[in-house]
N, C-alpha and C. Protein backbone atom coordinates (compact mmCIF):
# COMPACT_ATOMS: atom_id res chain seq x y z
N UNK A 1 10.53 43.69 74.07
CA UNK A 1 9.78 43.94 72.87
C UNK A 1 10.50 45.00 72.05
N UNK A 2 10.54 44.78 70.75
CA UNK A 2 11.20 45.71 69.84
C UNK A 2 10.17 46.67 69.26
N UNK A 3 10.47 47.95 69.33
CA UNK A 3 9.54 48.96 68.79
C UNK A 3 10.10 49.64 67.54
N UNK A 4 11.09 49.03 66.92
CA UNK A 4 11.67 49.63 65.72
C UNK A 4 11.58 48.63 64.58
N UNK A 5 11.78 49.09 63.39
CA UNK A 5 11.75 48.22 62.23
C UNK A 5 10.44 48.32 61.49
N UNK A 6 10.22 47.38 60.61
CA UNK A 6 9.01 47.36 59.78
C UNK A 6 8.17 46.18 60.21
N UNK A 7 6.98 46.46 60.70
CA UNK A 7 6.12 45.42 61.22
C UNK A 7 4.71 45.50 60.66
N UNK A 8 4.07 44.36 60.62
CA UNK A 8 2.64 44.28 60.32
C UNK A 8 1.98 43.84 61.62
N UNK A 9 0.96 44.56 62.05
CA UNK A 9 0.33 44.30 63.34
C UNK A 9 -1.00 43.58 63.20
N UNK A 10 -1.41 42.95 64.28
CA UNK A 10 -2.74 42.35 64.34
C UNK A 10 -3.77 43.48 64.43
N UNK A 11 -5.00 43.20 64.05
CA UNK A 11 -6.03 44.26 64.00
C UNK A 11 -6.30 44.96 65.33
N UNK A 12 -5.99 44.34 66.45
CA UNK A 12 -6.26 44.95 67.76
C UNK A 12 -5.55 46.29 67.95
N UNK A 13 -4.48 46.52 67.21
CA UNK A 13 -3.76 47.78 67.36
C UNK A 13 -4.68 48.97 67.11
N UNK A 14 -5.68 48.78 66.24
CA UNK A 14 -6.59 49.89 65.93
C UNK A 14 -7.45 50.28 67.12
N UNK A 15 -7.80 49.30 67.97
CA UNK A 15 -8.54 49.61 69.19
C UNK A 15 -7.73 50.56 70.08
N UNK A 16 -6.44 50.35 70.12
CA UNK A 16 -5.57 51.19 70.94
C UNK A 16 -5.30 52.54 70.28
N UNK A 17 -5.21 52.55 68.97
CA UNK A 17 -5.00 53.83 68.27
C UNK A 17 -6.18 54.77 68.49
N UNK A 18 -7.39 54.22 68.52
CA UNK A 18 -8.58 55.05 68.73
C UNK A 18 -8.53 55.73 70.09
N UNK A 19 -7.96 55.07 71.07
CA UNK A 19 -7.89 55.60 72.43
C UNK A 19 -6.64 56.44 72.70
N UNK A 20 -5.72 56.50 71.76
CA UNK A 20 -4.46 57.20 71.96
C UNK A 20 -4.62 58.69 71.72
N UNK A 21 -4.16 59.47 72.68
CA UNK A 21 -4.21 60.93 72.57
C UNK A 21 -3.10 61.40 71.63
N UNK A 22 -3.34 62.49 70.92
CA UNK A 22 -2.29 63.03 70.05
C UNK A 22 -1.04 63.38 70.86
N UNK A 23 0.12 63.15 70.24
CA UNK A 23 1.39 63.45 70.89
C UNK A 23 2.17 64.46 70.08
N UNK A 24 3.38 64.09 69.71
CA UNK A 24 4.28 64.97 68.96
C UNK A 24 3.59 65.48 67.70
N UNK A 25 3.73 66.77 67.46
CA UNK A 25 3.12 67.43 66.30
C UNK A 25 1.61 67.24 66.24
N UNK A 26 1.00 67.00 67.40
CA UNK A 26 -0.44 66.80 67.51
C UNK A 26 -0.93 65.61 66.68
N UNK A 27 -0.05 64.61 66.49
CA UNK A 27 -0.38 63.41 65.74
C UNK A 27 -0.52 62.24 66.70
N UNK A 28 -1.36 61.29 66.34
CA UNK A 28 -1.47 60.05 67.10
C UNK A 28 -0.28 59.18 66.73
N UNK A 29 0.48 58.81 67.74
CA UNK A 29 1.71 58.05 67.51
C UNK A 29 1.46 56.55 67.68
N UNK A 30 1.85 55.79 66.66
CA UNK A 30 1.72 54.34 66.70
C UNK A 30 2.47 53.76 67.90
N UNK A 31 3.65 54.28 68.18
CA UNK A 31 4.43 53.74 69.29
C UNK A 31 3.73 53.92 70.63
N UNK A 32 2.96 55.00 70.79
CA UNK A 32 2.20 55.18 72.03
C UNK A 32 1.14 54.10 72.17
N UNK A 33 0.44 53.80 71.08
CA UNK A 33 -0.58 52.75 71.11
C UNK A 33 0.07 51.39 71.36
N UNK A 34 1.21 51.16 70.76
CA UNK A 34 1.93 49.89 70.95
C UNK A 34 2.32 49.70 72.41
N UNK A 35 2.79 50.77 73.03
CA UNK A 35 3.24 50.71 74.42
C UNK A 35 2.09 50.30 75.35
N UNK A 36 0.91 50.87 75.15
CA UNK A 36 -0.25 50.54 75.98
C UNK A 36 -0.70 49.11 75.69
N UNK A 37 -0.78 48.75 74.43
CA UNK A 37 -1.21 47.41 74.05
C UNK A 37 -0.30 46.33 74.64
N UNK A 38 1.01 46.58 74.60
CA UNK A 38 1.97 45.60 75.12
C UNK A 38 1.82 45.38 76.62
N UNK A 39 1.33 46.39 77.34
CA UNK A 39 1.12 46.26 78.78
C UNK A 39 -0.13 45.44 79.10
N UNK A 40 -1.10 45.44 78.19
CA UNK A 40 -2.40 44.83 78.46
C UNK A 40 -2.62 43.46 77.82
N UNK A 41 -1.90 43.14 76.78
CA UNK A 41 -2.13 41.87 76.08
C UNK A 41 -0.89 41.52 75.29
N UNK A 42 -0.81 40.28 74.90
CA UNK A 42 0.32 39.92 74.03
C UNK A 42 0.23 40.70 72.71
N UNK A 43 1.35 41.13 72.25
CA UNK A 43 1.38 41.85 70.99
C UNK A 43 2.27 41.08 70.03
N UNK A 44 1.73 40.78 68.89
CA UNK A 44 2.45 40.00 67.90
C UNK A 44 2.71 40.86 66.68
N UNK A 45 3.81 40.65 66.08
CA UNK A 45 4.14 41.36 64.85
C UNK A 45 4.97 40.47 63.96
N UNK A 46 5.02 40.82 62.72
CA UNK A 46 5.83 40.08 61.77
C UNK A 46 6.76 41.08 61.10
N UNK A 47 8.06 40.91 61.32
CA UNK A 47 9.01 41.82 60.71
C UNK A 47 9.14 41.46 59.23
N UNK A 48 9.07 42.49 58.40
CA UNK A 48 9.15 42.27 56.96
C UNK A 48 10.32 43.07 56.38
N UNK A 49 10.82 42.58 55.29
CA UNK A 49 11.83 43.33 54.55
C UNK A 49 11.11 44.13 53.48
N UNK A 50 11.56 45.30 53.22
CA UNK A 50 10.94 46.12 52.21
C UNK A 50 11.11 47.58 52.54
N UNK A 51 10.58 48.38 51.68
CA UNK A 51 10.69 49.82 51.85
C UNK A 51 9.54 50.35 52.70
N UNK A 52 9.84 51.30 53.52
CA UNK A 52 8.83 51.95 54.36
C UNK A 52 8.44 53.26 53.71
N UNK A 53 7.15 53.50 53.60
CA UNK A 53 6.65 54.74 53.05
C UNK A 53 5.96 55.51 54.16
N UNK A 54 6.48 56.69 54.46
CA UNK A 54 5.89 57.54 55.49
C UNK A 54 4.99 58.55 54.78
N UNK A 55 3.69 58.38 54.89
CA UNK A 55 2.77 59.31 54.24
C UNK A 55 2.09 60.21 55.27
N UNK A 56 2.79 60.42 56.37
CA UNK A 56 2.24 61.24 57.45
C UNK A 56 2.39 62.73 57.22
N UNK A 57 3.03 63.11 56.13
CA UNK A 57 3.09 64.53 55.78
C UNK A 57 2.81 64.67 54.29
N UNK A 58 2.43 65.86 53.87
CA UNK A 58 1.96 66.07 52.50
C UNK A 58 3.02 65.77 51.46
N UNK A 59 4.25 66.19 51.69
CA UNK A 59 5.29 66.00 50.69
C UNK A 59 5.61 64.51 50.48
N UNK A 60 5.76 63.76 51.56
CA UNK A 60 6.05 62.33 51.42
C UNK A 60 4.86 61.58 50.82
N UNK A 61 3.66 62.03 51.10
CA UNK A 61 2.46 61.44 50.49
C UNK A 61 2.51 61.61 48.97
N UNK A 62 2.86 62.81 48.51
CA UNK A 62 2.95 63.07 47.08
C UNK A 62 4.07 62.23 46.45
N UNK A 63 5.24 62.21 47.09
CA UNK A 63 6.37 61.42 46.56
C UNK A 63 6.00 59.95 46.44
N UNK A 64 5.32 59.41 47.44
CA UNK A 64 4.92 58.00 47.41
C UNK A 64 3.96 57.73 46.27
N UNK A 65 3.00 58.61 46.08
CA UNK A 65 2.05 58.44 44.98
C UNK A 65 2.75 58.48 43.63
N UNK A 66 3.68 59.39 43.47
CA UNK A 66 4.43 59.47 42.21
C UNK A 66 5.22 58.20 41.99
N UNK A 67 5.91 57.74 43.03
CA UNK A 67 6.71 56.53 42.89
C UNK A 67 5.87 55.32 42.46
N UNK A 68 4.72 55.16 43.10
CA UNK A 68 3.86 54.04 42.74
C UNK A 68 3.24 54.22 41.36
N UNK A 69 2.90 55.44 41.02
CA UNK A 69 2.32 55.70 39.69
C UNK A 69 3.33 55.39 38.60
N UNK A 70 4.60 55.69 38.83
CA UNK A 70 5.63 55.42 37.83
C UNK A 70 5.87 53.93 37.62
N UNK A 71 5.42 53.10 38.55
CA UNK A 71 5.54 51.65 38.41
C UNK A 71 4.38 51.04 37.62
N UNK A 72 3.36 51.83 37.36
CA UNK A 72 2.16 51.34 36.66
C UNK A 72 2.28 51.59 35.17
N UNK A 73 2.02 50.55 34.40
CA UNK A 73 2.08 50.68 32.94
C UNK A 73 1.09 51.71 32.42
N UNK A 74 -0.09 51.81 33.04
CA UNK A 74 -1.12 52.72 32.55
C UNK A 74 -0.89 54.18 32.94
N UNK A 75 0.07 54.46 33.80
CA UNK A 75 0.32 55.84 34.25
C UNK A 75 1.73 56.33 33.95
N UNK A 76 2.68 55.41 33.83
CA UNK A 76 4.10 55.78 33.73
C UNK A 76 4.39 56.76 32.59
N UNK A 77 3.91 56.48 31.39
CA UNK A 77 4.23 57.32 30.24
C UNK A 77 3.73 58.75 30.40
N UNK A 78 2.47 58.89 30.69
CA UNK A 78 1.87 60.22 30.82
C UNK A 78 2.49 60.99 31.99
N UNK A 79 2.70 60.31 33.12
CA UNK A 79 3.29 60.98 34.28
C UNK A 79 4.74 61.36 34.00
N UNK A 80 5.49 60.50 33.36
CA UNK A 80 6.89 60.82 33.02
C UNK A 80 6.97 62.08 32.17
N UNK A 81 6.11 62.17 31.18
CA UNK A 81 6.10 63.36 30.32
C UNK A 81 5.73 64.61 31.11
N UNK A 82 4.76 64.48 32.00
CA UNK A 82 4.36 65.61 32.84
C UNK A 82 5.53 66.08 33.71
N UNK A 83 6.24 65.13 34.31
CA UNK A 83 7.37 65.47 35.17
C UNK A 83 8.46 66.16 34.37
N UNK A 84 8.78 65.64 33.19
CA UNK A 84 9.81 66.24 32.34
C UNK A 84 9.43 67.66 31.93
N UNK A 85 8.19 67.85 31.52
CA UNK A 85 7.71 69.18 31.11
C UNK A 85 7.76 70.15 32.28
N UNK A 86 7.31 69.71 33.42
CA UNK A 86 7.31 70.56 34.61
C UNK A 86 8.74 70.91 35.04
N UNK A 87 9.64 69.94 34.97
CA UNK A 87 11.04 70.18 35.36
C UNK A 87 11.67 71.24 34.44
N UNK A 88 11.37 71.18 33.14
CA UNK A 88 11.90 72.19 32.21
C UNK A 88 11.38 73.57 32.55
N UNK A 89 10.12 73.65 32.93
CA UNK A 89 9.52 74.94 33.28
C UNK A 89 10.15 75.52 34.55
N UNK A 90 10.64 74.68 35.42
CA UNK A 90 11.26 75.14 36.67
C UNK A 90 12.68 75.65 36.46
N UNK A 91 13.31 75.24 35.40
CA UNK A 91 14.72 75.62 35.13
C UNK A 91 14.85 77.06 34.76
């Protein structure tokens, strides 16, 4: 079984996540839940191509939100101006 890459899991993974004790950095690790699930039942996944967004920390969460907001027609203009203004103030 491959535990790397980008996968979409069946809903049963959530049953295992609920039972998973926090690990590294006191966070619940998906790989720990996967390991237990794979021992108890078949585990299916679908590998997908695309970008992975890690929103497990505050900075990456903010970056992801900005990136997605910049792709939206209703937010791009106002957010772009805000970023430009803020960047000038930091200089």
